[in-house]
Amino acid sequence: MESGGLPNTLYNTQRFEEAQWSIECPYCGSIIGFDGTFDWGWMLDLLPRGITPTDIDSVIEMGLGHFLVFETKLLGMDISTGQNNMLRRLHNAKSFVVVRMWLEGDGGVKRKVHHFDWIKRNGTDSGITKYGVDEARHFLQSWINFVEPKGF
């Protein structure tokens, strides 16, 4: 992680920070777009083999489960090896766990986990809400212990 909590996969942090935007959805009125940055440092010591978090720039879902994933880079920039591998493997994922996180803060950097839950394999909510970074670390460690021996 770079200082300020931004991921080390960003090639141009200044451009990223200048591109913060949000708009109102013309269909439902929700505010969409940039919602601040988040410090993922709480998980780095748990991740094996030097793995670091990455992102996906945009996802569209249509037709009840058909996904189109976009990753954007400036012309001349490369997608990192790790992110490129993740995008290729995502296409044939054996398992996909979605964790939803609500963060403390007002749009600044260094947001912290306030609470989170997850979506179960059958698509329903877990019904369990966990609070705080310690619980998030425990959840992540349990997931790592489940997948790492299987060679995922």
N, C-alpha and C. Protein backbone atom coordinates (compact mmCIF):
# COMPACT_ATOMS: atom_id res chain seq x y z
N MET A 1 0.83 -1.18 0.00
CA MET A 1 0.00 0.00 0.00
C MET A 1 0.88 1.25 0.00
N GLU A 2 0.45 2.23 -0.74
CA GLU A 2 1.13 3.51 -0.71
C GLU A 2 0.61 4.31 0.48
N SER A 3 1.28 5.39 0.79
CA SER A 3 0.80 6.23 1.88
C SER A 3 -0.59 6.74 1.55
N GLY A 4 -1.37 6.96 2.56
CA GLY A 4 -2.73 7.44 2.35
C GLY A 4 -3.73 6.33 2.10
N GLY A 5 -3.30 5.08 2.10
CA GLY A 5 -4.21 3.96 1.97
C GLY A 5 -4.57 3.58 0.55
N LEU A 6 -3.99 4.24 -0.45
CA LEU A 6 -4.30 3.88 -1.82
C LEU A 6 -3.52 2.63 -2.21
N PRO A 7 -4.10 1.76 -3.04
CA PRO A 7 -3.41 0.53 -3.41
C PRO A 7 -2.15 0.79 -4.23
N ASN A 8 -1.17 -0.10 -4.09
CA ASN A 8 0.08 0.08 -4.82
C ASN A 8 -0.06 -0.28 -6.29
N THR A 9 -1.23 -0.71 -6.72
CA THR A 9 -1.46 -1.00 -8.14
C THR A 9 -1.83 0.25 -8.93
N LEU A 10 -2.03 1.38 -8.26
CA LEU A 10 -2.33 2.63 -8.96
C LEU A 10 -1.05 3.16 -9.59
N TYR A 11 -1.08 3.40 -10.90
CA TYR A 11 0.09 3.95 -11.58
C TYR A 11 0.22 5.45 -11.36
N ASN A 12 -0.89 6.15 -11.21
CA ASN A 12 -0.86 7.60 -11.08
C ASN A 12 -1.86 8.01 -10.00
N THR A 13 -1.40 8.07 -8.75
CA THR A 13 -2.30 8.37 -7.63
C THR A 13 -2.88 9.77 -7.74
N GLN A 14 -2.10 10.72 -8.25
CA GLN A 14 -2.63 12.07 -8.38
C GLN A 14 -3.81 12.11 -9.35
N ARG A 15 -3.66 11.43 -10.47
CA ARG A 15 -4.75 11.40 -11.44
C ARG A 15 -5.98 10.70 -10.85
N PHE A 16 -5.76 9.63 -10.08
CA PHE A 16 -6.86 8.93 -9.43
C PHE A 16 -7.61 9.88 -8.50
N GLU A 17 -6.87 10.61 -7.67
CA GLU A 17 -7.51 11.51 -6.72
C GLU A 17 -8.23 12.66 -7.41
N GLU A 18 -7.71 13.11 -8.55
CA GLU A 18 -8.34 14.19 -9.30
C GLU A 18 -9.60 13.72 -10.02
N ALA A 19 -9.74 12.40 -10.24
CA ALA A 19 -10.86 11.85 -11.01
C ALA A 19 -12.04 11.47 -10.13
N GLN A 20 -12.07 11.94 -8.92
CA GLN A 20 -13.17 11.60 -8.01
C GLN A 20 -14.44 12.29 -8.49
N TRP A 21 -15.45 11.50 -8.78
CA TRP A 21 -16.69 12.04 -9.32
C TRP A 21 -17.87 11.25 -8.78
N SER A 22 -19.00 11.85 -8.88
CA SER A 22 -20.24 11.13 -8.60
C SER A 22 -21.35 11.82 -9.37
N ILE A 23 -22.35 11.03 -9.75
CA ILE A 23 -23.49 11.57 -10.49
C ILE A 23 -24.76 10.93 -9.95
N GLU A 24 -25.88 11.55 -10.26
CA GLU A 24 -27.16 10.98 -9.87
C GLU A 24 -27.66 10.09 -11.00
N CYS A 25 -28.03 8.86 -10.67
CA CYS A 25 -28.58 7.93 -11.66
C CYS A 25 -29.89 8.51 -12.20
N PRO A 26 -30.02 8.63 -13.52
CA PRO A 26 -31.25 9.21 -14.08
C PRO A 26 -32.47 8.31 -13.93
N TYR A 27 -32.27 7.04 -13.59
CA TYR A 27 -33.39 6.10 -13.49
C TYR A 27 -33.93 5.96 -12.07
N CYS A 28 -32.98 5.87 -11.09
CA CYS A 28 -33.45 5.62 -9.73
C CYS A 28 -33.11 6.73 -8.74
N GLY A 29 -32.28 7.70 -9.16
CA GLY A 29 -31.94 8.81 -8.28
C GLY A 29 -30.80 8.53 -7.33
N SER A 30 -30.26 7.31 -7.32
CA SER A 30 -29.13 6.99 -6.45
C SER A 30 -27.89 7.75 -6.90
N ILE A 31 -27.05 8.08 -5.94
CA ILE A 31 -25.77 8.70 -6.26
C ILE A 31 -24.79 7.57 -6.54
N ILE A 32 -24.17 7.62 -7.71
CA ILE A 32 -23.20 6.59 -8.10
C ILE A 32 -21.87 7.24 -8.41
N GLY A 33 -20.82 6.46 -8.34
CA GLY A 33 -19.50 6.97 -8.67
C GLY A 33 -18.56 6.85 -7.50
N PHE A 34 -17.62 7.75 -7.43
CA PHE A 34 -16.56 7.71 -6.42
C PHE A 34 -17.14 7.89 -5.03
N ASP A 35 -16.79 7.00 -4.12
CA ASP A 35 -17.29 7.12 -2.75
C ASP A 35 -16.16 7.15 -1.73
N GLY A 36 -15.02 7.65 -2.15
CA GLY A 36 -13.87 7.76 -1.25
C GLY A 36 -12.90 6.61 -1.46
N THR A 37 -11.84 6.66 -0.72
CA THR A 37 -10.85 5.59 -0.79
C THR A 37 -10.85 4.85 0.53
N PHE A 38 -10.32 3.66 0.51
CA PHE A 38 -10.35 2.79 1.67
C PHE A 38 -8.96 2.22 1.90
N ASP A 39 -8.52 2.22 3.13
CA ASP A 39 -7.22 1.68 3.49
C ASP A 39 -7.35 0.18 3.72
N TRP A 40 -6.77 -0.62 2.84
CA TRP A 40 -6.83 -2.08 2.94
C TRP A 40 -5.69 -2.65 3.78
N GLY A 41 -4.92 -1.79 4.42
CA GLY A 41 -3.77 -2.23 5.19
C GLY A 41 -4.08 -3.23 6.29
N TRP A 42 -5.31 -3.24 6.81
CA TRP A 42 -5.68 -4.15 7.90
C TRP A 42 -5.56 -5.61 7.51
N MET A 43 -5.50 -5.91 6.20
CA MET A 43 -5.49 -7.31 5.79
C MET A 43 -4.14 -7.79 5.26
N LEU A 44 -3.22 -6.88 4.99
CA LEU A 44 -2.00 -7.25 4.28
C LEU A 44 -1.16 -8.31 4.98
N ASP A 45 -1.07 -8.28 6.31
CA ASP A 45 -0.25 -9.26 7.01
C ASP A 45 -0.90 -10.65 7.03
N LEU A 46 -2.16 -10.75 6.68
CA LEU A 46 -2.85 -12.04 6.64
C LEU A 46 -2.70 -12.73 5.29
N LEU A 47 -2.48 -11.97 4.24
CA LEU A 47 -2.47 -12.52 2.89
C LEU A 47 -1.15 -13.23 2.60
N PRO A 48 -1.21 -14.47 2.10
CA PRO A 48 0.02 -15.23 1.83
C PRO A 48 0.69 -14.81 0.52
N ARG A 49 1.94 -15.16 0.38
CA ARG A 49 2.71 -15.05 -0.87
C ARG A 49 2.76 -13.65 -1.47
N GLY A 50 2.64 -12.60 -0.66
CA GLY A 50 2.73 -11.24 -1.17
C GLY A 50 1.51 -10.77 -1.93
N ILE A 51 0.39 -11.47 -1.78
CA ILE A 51 -0.85 -11.07 -2.45
C ILE A 51 -1.30 -9.72 -1.87
N THR A 52 -1.78 -8.84 -2.74
CA THR A 52 -2.36 -7.56 -2.30
C THR A 52 -3.72 -7.39 -2.97
N PRO A 53 -4.60 -6.60 -2.36
CA PRO A 53 -5.92 -6.37 -2.97
C PRO A 53 -5.80 -5.69 -4.33
N THR A 54 -6.75 -5.96 -5.17
CA THR A 54 -6.85 -5.29 -6.47
C THR A 54 -8.30 -4.87 -6.65
N ASP A 55 -8.62 -4.27 -7.75
CA ASP A 55 -9.99 -3.83 -7.98
C ASP A 55 -10.43 -4.19 -9.38
N ILE A 56 -11.70 -4.02 -9.61
CA ILE A 56 -12.30 -4.11 -10.94
C ILE A 56 -12.93 -2.75 -11.18
N ASP A 57 -12.70 -2.18 -12.34
CA ASP A 57 -13.17 -0.82 -12.59
C ASP A 57 -14.68 -0.72 -12.80
N SER A 58 -15.27 -1.71 -13.42
CA SER A 58 -16.71 -1.66 -13.63
C SER A 58 -17.24 -3.05 -13.91
N VAL A 59 -18.46 -3.31 -13.45
CA VAL A 59 -19.13 -4.58 -13.71
C VAL A 59 -20.57 -4.28 -14.09
N ILE A 60 -21.04 -4.93 -15.13
CA ILE A 60 -22.44 -4.84 -15.53
C ILE A 60 -23.02 -6.24 -15.48
N GLU A 61 -24.21 -6.38 -14.90
CA GLU A 61 -24.90 -7.68 -14.86
C GLU A 61 -26.22 -7.54 -15.59
N MET A 62 -26.46 -8.45 -16.50
CA MET A 62 -27.72 -8.47 -17.23
C MET A 62 -28.13 -9.92 -17.44
N GLY A 63 -29.36 -10.15 -17.79
CA GLY A 63 -29.82 -11.49 -18.15
C GLY A 63 -29.70 -12.50 -17.03
N LEU A 64 -29.92 -12.06 -15.79
CA LEU A 64 -29.92 -12.95 -14.63
C LEU A 64 -28.63 -13.77 -14.50
N GLY A 65 -27.53 -13.07 -14.36
CA GLY A 65 -26.28 -13.76 -14.07
C GLY A 65 -25.22 -13.70 -15.16
N HIS A 66 -25.40 -12.87 -16.14
CA HIS A 66 -24.37 -12.67 -17.16
C HIS A 66 -23.63 -11.38 -16.80
N PHE A 67 -22.31 -11.51 -16.61
CA PHE A 67 -21.51 -10.38 -16.13
C PHE A 67 -20.53 -9.93 -17.19
N LEU A 68 -20.37 -8.63 -17.31
CA LEU A 68 -19.37 -8.03 -18.18
C LEU A 68 -18.47 -7.18 -17.28
N VAL A 69 -17.18 -7.51 -17.25
CA VAL A 69 -16.22 -6.87 -16.36
C VAL A 69 -15.31 -5.98 -17.18
N PHE A 70 -15.08 -4.75 -16.70
CA PHE A 70 -14.18 -3.82 -17.37
C PHE A 70 -13.00 -3.50 -16.46
N GLU A 71 -11.82 -3.50 -17.03
CA GLU A 71 -10.62 -3.00 -16.36
C GLU A 71 -10.02 -1.96 -17.29
N THR A 72 -9.80 -0.77 -16.79
CA THR A 72 -9.32 0.32 -17.63
C THR A 72 -7.92 0.74 -17.22
N LYS A 73 -7.13 1.11 -18.20
CA LYS A 73 -5.78 1.65 -18.00
C LYS A 73 -5.57 2.74 -19.04
N LEU A 74 -4.68 3.66 -18.73
CA LEU A 74 -4.28 4.65 -19.72
C LEU A 74 -3.48 3.97 -20.82
N LEU A 75 -3.57 4.49 -22.04
CA LEU A 75 -2.81 3.97 -23.16
C LEU A 75 -1.33 3.91 -22.79
N GLY A 76 -0.71 2.78 -23.00
CA GLY A 76 0.69 2.60 -22.68
C GLY A 76 0.95 1.98 -21.31
N MET A 77 -0.08 1.91 -20.48
CA MET A 77 0.06 1.29 -19.16
C MET A 77 -0.27 -0.19 -19.25
N ASP A 78 0.41 -0.98 -18.45
CA ASP A 78 0.16 -2.41 -18.42
C ASP A 78 -0.73 -2.77 -17.25
N ILE A 79 -1.48 -3.85 -17.40
CA ILE A 79 -2.19 -4.45 -16.28
C ILE A 79 -1.16 -5.32 -15.57
N SER A 80 -1.07 -5.19 -14.25
CA SER A 80 -0.07 -5.96 -13.51
C SER A 80 -0.31 -7.46 -13.70
N THR A 81 0.74 -8.25 -13.54
CA THR A 81 0.64 -9.69 -13.71
C THR A 81 -0.42 -10.27 -12.77
N GLY A 82 -0.39 -9.86 -11.50
CA GLY A 82 -1.35 -10.38 -10.53
C GLY A 82 -2.78 -10.04 -10.89
N GLN A 83 -3.02 -8.80 -11.30
CA GLN A 83 -4.38 -8.41 -11.66
C GLN A 83 -4.83 -9.11 -12.94
N ASN A 84 -3.93 -9.24 -13.89
CA ASN A 84 -4.27 -9.93 -15.13
C ASN A 84 -4.60 -11.40 -14.87
N ASN A 85 -3.82 -12.05 -14.00
CA ASN A 85 -4.12 -13.44 -13.63
C ASN A 85 -5.49 -13.54 -12.96
N MET A 86 -5.78 -12.59 -12.06
CA MET A 86 -7.08 -12.60 -11.37
C MET A 86 -8.22 -12.45 -12.37
N LEU A 87 -8.09 -11.55 -13.33
CA LEU A 87 -9.15 -11.34 -14.32
C LEU A 87 -9.36 -12.59 -15.16
N ARG A 88 -8.29 -13.28 -15.55
CA ARG A 88 -8.42 -14.51 -16.33
C ARG A 88 -9.09 -15.61 -15.51
N ARG A 89 -8.70 -15.74 -14.24
CA ARG A 89 -9.27 -16.78 -13.38
C ARG A 89 -10.71 -16.48 -13.00
N LEU A 90 -11.05 -15.21 -12.91
CA LEU A 90 -12.41 -14.82 -12.59
C LEU A 90 -13.39 -15.39 -13.61
N HIS A 91 -12.95 -15.49 -14.84
CA HIS A 91 -13.79 -16.01 -15.91
C HIS A 91 -14.27 -17.44 -15.62
N ASN A 92 -13.46 -18.24 -14.96
CA ASN A 92 -13.81 -19.63 -14.65
C ASN A 92 -13.77 -19.88 -13.14
N ALA A 93 -14.24 -18.93 -12.36
CA ALA A 93 -14.14 -19.02 -10.90
C ALA A 93 -14.81 -20.27 -10.35
N LYS A 94 -14.11 -20.95 -9.43
CA LYS A 94 -14.65 -22.12 -8.73
C LYS A 94 -15.58 -21.68 -7.61
N SER A 95 -15.28 -20.53 -7.06
CA SER A 95 -16.03 -20.02 -5.93
C SER A 95 -15.94 -18.50 -5.95
N PHE A 96 -16.98 -17.86 -5.52
CA PHE A 96 -17.01 -16.40 -5.51
C PHE A 96 -17.76 -15.96 -4.27
N VAL A 97 -17.08 -15.33 -3.34
CA VAL A 97 -17.70 -14.86 -2.10
C VAL A 97 -17.80 -13.34 -2.19
N VAL A 98 -18.97 -12.81 -1.96
CA VAL A 98 -19.17 -11.36 -1.98
C VAL A 98 -19.33 -10.88 -0.54
N VAL A 99 -18.45 -9.96 -0.14
CA VAL A 99 -18.52 -9.34 1.18
C VAL A 99 -18.90 -7.89 0.96
N ARG A 100 -19.91 -7.45 1.67
CA ARG A 100 -20.34 -6.05 1.60
C ARG A 100 -19.83 -5.35 2.85
N MET A 101 -19.18 -4.21 2.67
CA MET A 101 -18.59 -3.50 3.82
C MET A 101 -19.15 -2.09 3.89
N TRP A 102 -19.49 -1.70 5.10
CA TRP A 102 -19.89 -0.33 5.36
C TRP A 102 -18.77 0.30 6.18
N LEU A 103 -18.37 1.48 5.78
CA LEU A 103 -17.16 2.09 6.32
C LEU A 103 -17.46 3.35 7.10
N GLU A 104 -16.60 3.62 8.08
CA GLU A 104 -16.67 4.88 8.80
C GLU A 104 -15.97 5.94 7.98
N GLY A 105 -16.41 7.15 8.08
CA GLY A 105 -15.71 8.24 7.41
C GLY A 105 -16.64 9.03 6.52
N ASP A 106 -16.13 10.16 6.06
CA ASP A 106 -16.95 11.06 5.27
C ASP A 106 -16.36 11.28 3.88
N GLY A 107 -15.70 10.28 3.34
CA GLY A 107 -15.14 10.41 1.99
C GLY A 107 -13.64 10.57 2.00
N GLY A 108 -13.05 10.70 3.16
CA GLY A 108 -11.61 10.84 3.23
C GLY A 108 -10.90 9.51 3.11
N VAL A 109 -9.62 9.58 2.98
CA VAL A 109 -8.79 8.39 2.98
C VAL A 109 -8.79 7.82 4.39
N LYS A 110 -8.28 6.64 4.57
CA LYS A 110 -8.17 5.99 5.87
C LYS A 110 -9.54 5.63 6.45
N ARG A 111 -10.49 5.29 5.60
CA ARG A 111 -11.76 4.78 6.10
C ARG A 111 -11.53 3.44 6.76
N LYS A 112 -12.30 3.13 7.76
CA LYS A 112 -12.18 1.88 8.51
C LYS A 112 -13.47 1.09 8.39
N VAL A 113 -13.35 -0.23 8.55
CA VAL A 113 -14.52 -1.10 8.50
C VAL A 113 -15.40 -0.78 9.70
N HIS A 114 -16.66 -0.46 9.45
CA HIS A 114 -17.61 -0.29 10.54
C HIS A 114 -18.36 -1.59 10.77
N HIS A 115 -18.95 -2.12 9.71
CA HIS A 115 -19.56 -3.45 9.80
C HIS A 115 -19.64 -4.06 8.40
N PHE A 116 -19.84 -5.37 8.36
CA PHE A 116 -19.91 -6.06 7.08
C PHE A 116 -20.80 -7.28 7.21
N ASP A 117 -21.24 -7.77 6.07
CA ASP A 117 -21.92 -9.06 6.00
C ASP A 117 -21.51 -9.71 4.68
N TRP A 118 -22.08 -10.83 4.35
CA TRP A 118 -21.73 -11.49 3.11
C TRP A 118 -22.96 -12.15 2.52
N ILE A 119 -22.85 -12.46 1.25
CA ILE A 119 -23.93 -13.11 0.53
C ILE A 119 -23.60 -14.60 0.46
N LYS A 120 -24.52 -15.43 0.89
CA LYS A 120 -24.30 -16.88 0.90
C LYS A 120 -24.35 -17.44 -0.52
N ARG A 121 -23.87 -18.65 -0.68
CA ARG A 121 -23.78 -19.29 -1.99
C ARG A 121 -25.14 -19.35 -2.71
N ASN A 122 -26.23 -19.49 -1.96
CA ASN A 122 -27.55 -19.56 -2.59
C ASN A 122 -28.10 -18.17 -2.94
N GLY A 123 -27.30 -17.13 -2.71
CA GLY A 123 -27.69 -15.78 -3.10
C GLY A 123 -28.42 -15.00 -2.03
N THR A 124 -28.64 -15.62 -0.87
CA THR A 124 -29.32 -14.91 0.21
C THR A 124 -28.29 -14.23 1.12
N ASP A 125 -28.75 -13.24 1.86
CA ASP A 125 -27.89 -12.57 2.81
C ASP A 125 -27.50 -13.52 3.92
N SER A 126 -26.33 -13.29 4.49
CA SER A 126 -25.86 -14.16 5.57
C SER A 126 -26.75 -14.05 6.80
N GLY A 127 -27.39 -12.89 6.98
CA GLY A 127 -28.18 -12.68 8.18
C GLY A 127 -27.32 -12.42 9.40
N ILE A 128 -26.02 -12.34 9.17
CA ILE A 128 -25.07 -12.10 10.26
C ILE A 128 -24.31 -10.83 9.94
N THR A 129 -24.33 -9.89 10.84
CA THR A 129 -23.56 -8.67 10.66
C THR A 129 -22.44 -8.66 11.67
N LYS A 130 -21.24 -8.47 11.20
CA LYS A 130 -20.05 -8.41 12.05
C LYS A 130 -19.60 -6.97 12.14
N TYR A 131 -19.02 -6.61 13.28
CA TYR A 131 -18.60 -5.24 13.49
C TYR A 131 -17.10 -5.13 13.67
N GLY A 132 -16.48 -4.22 12.94
CA GLY A 132 -15.12 -3.82 13.19
C GLY A 132 -14.04 -4.59 12.44
N VAL A 133 -12.82 -4.05 12.54
CA VAL A 133 -11.67 -4.58 11.84
C VAL A 133 -11.28 -5.96 12.38
N ASP A 134 -11.35 -6.18 13.69
CA ASP A 134 -10.97 -7.49 14.24
C ASP A 134 -11.85 -8.59 13.68
N GLU A 135 -13.14 -8.34 13.57
CA GLU A 135 -14.06 -9.33 13.01
C GLU A 135 -13.79 -9.54 11.53
N ALA A 136 -13.49 -8.46 10.80
CA ALA A 136 -13.17 -8.57 9.38
C ALA A 136 -11.90 -9.39 9.19
N ARG A 137 -10.89 -9.18 10.04
CA ARG A 137 -9.65 -9.96 9.96
C ARG A 137 -9.93 -11.44 10.24
N HIS A 138 -10.77 -11.73 11.21
CA HIS A 138 -11.12 -13.11 11.53
C HIS A 138 -11.84 -13.78 10.36
N PHE A 139 -12.79 -13.07 9.76
CA PHE A 139 -13.51 -13.58 8.59
C PHE A 139 -12.52 -13.88 7.46
N LEU A 140 -11.61 -12.93 7.17
CA LEU A 140 -10.63 -13.12 6.11
C LEU A 140 -9.73 -14.31 6.41
N GLN A 141 -9.24 -14.44 7.64
CA GLN A 141 -8.37 -15.56 8.00
C GLN A 141 -9.09 -16.89 7.84
N SER A 142 -10.36 -16.95 8.21
CA SER A 142 -11.15 -18.18 8.04
C SER A 142 -11.28 -18.54 6.57
N TRP A 143 -11.51 -17.54 5.73
CA TRP A 143 -11.62 -17.78 4.29
C TRP A 143 -10.29 -18.28 3.73
N ILE A 144 -9.18 -17.62 4.12
CA ILE A 144 -7.84 -18.04 3.66
C ILE A 144 -7.59 -19.49 4.07
N ASN A 145 -7.90 -19.84 5.32
CA ASN A 145 -7.68 -21.20 5.80
C ASN A 145 -8.51 -22.22 5.00
N PHE A 146 -9.68 -21.80 4.54
CA PHE A 146 -10.54 -22.69 3.76
C PHE A 146 -9.98 -22.90 2.35
N VAL A 147 -9.54 -21.81 1.68
CA VAL A 147 -9.15 -21.92 0.27
C VAL A 147 -7.68 -22.24 0.05
N GLU A 148 -6.82 -21.80 0.90
CA GLU A 148 -5.37 -21.95 0.65
C GLU A 148 -4.92 -23.41 0.55
N PRO A 149 -5.33 -24.30 1.43
CA PRO A 149 -4.90 -25.69 1.28
C PRO A 149 -5.41 -26.37 0.01
N LYS A 150 -6.48 -25.84 -0.55
CA LYS A 150 -7.07 -26.44 -1.75
C LYS A 150 -6.40 -25.94 -3.02
N GLY A 151 -5.46 -25.01 -2.89
CA GLY A 151 -4.74 -24.53 -4.06
C GLY A 151 -5.50 -23.56 -4.93
N PHE A 152 -6.48 -22.87 -4.36
CA PHE A 152 -7.23 -21.88 -5.15
C PHE A 152 -6.30 -20.78 -5.52
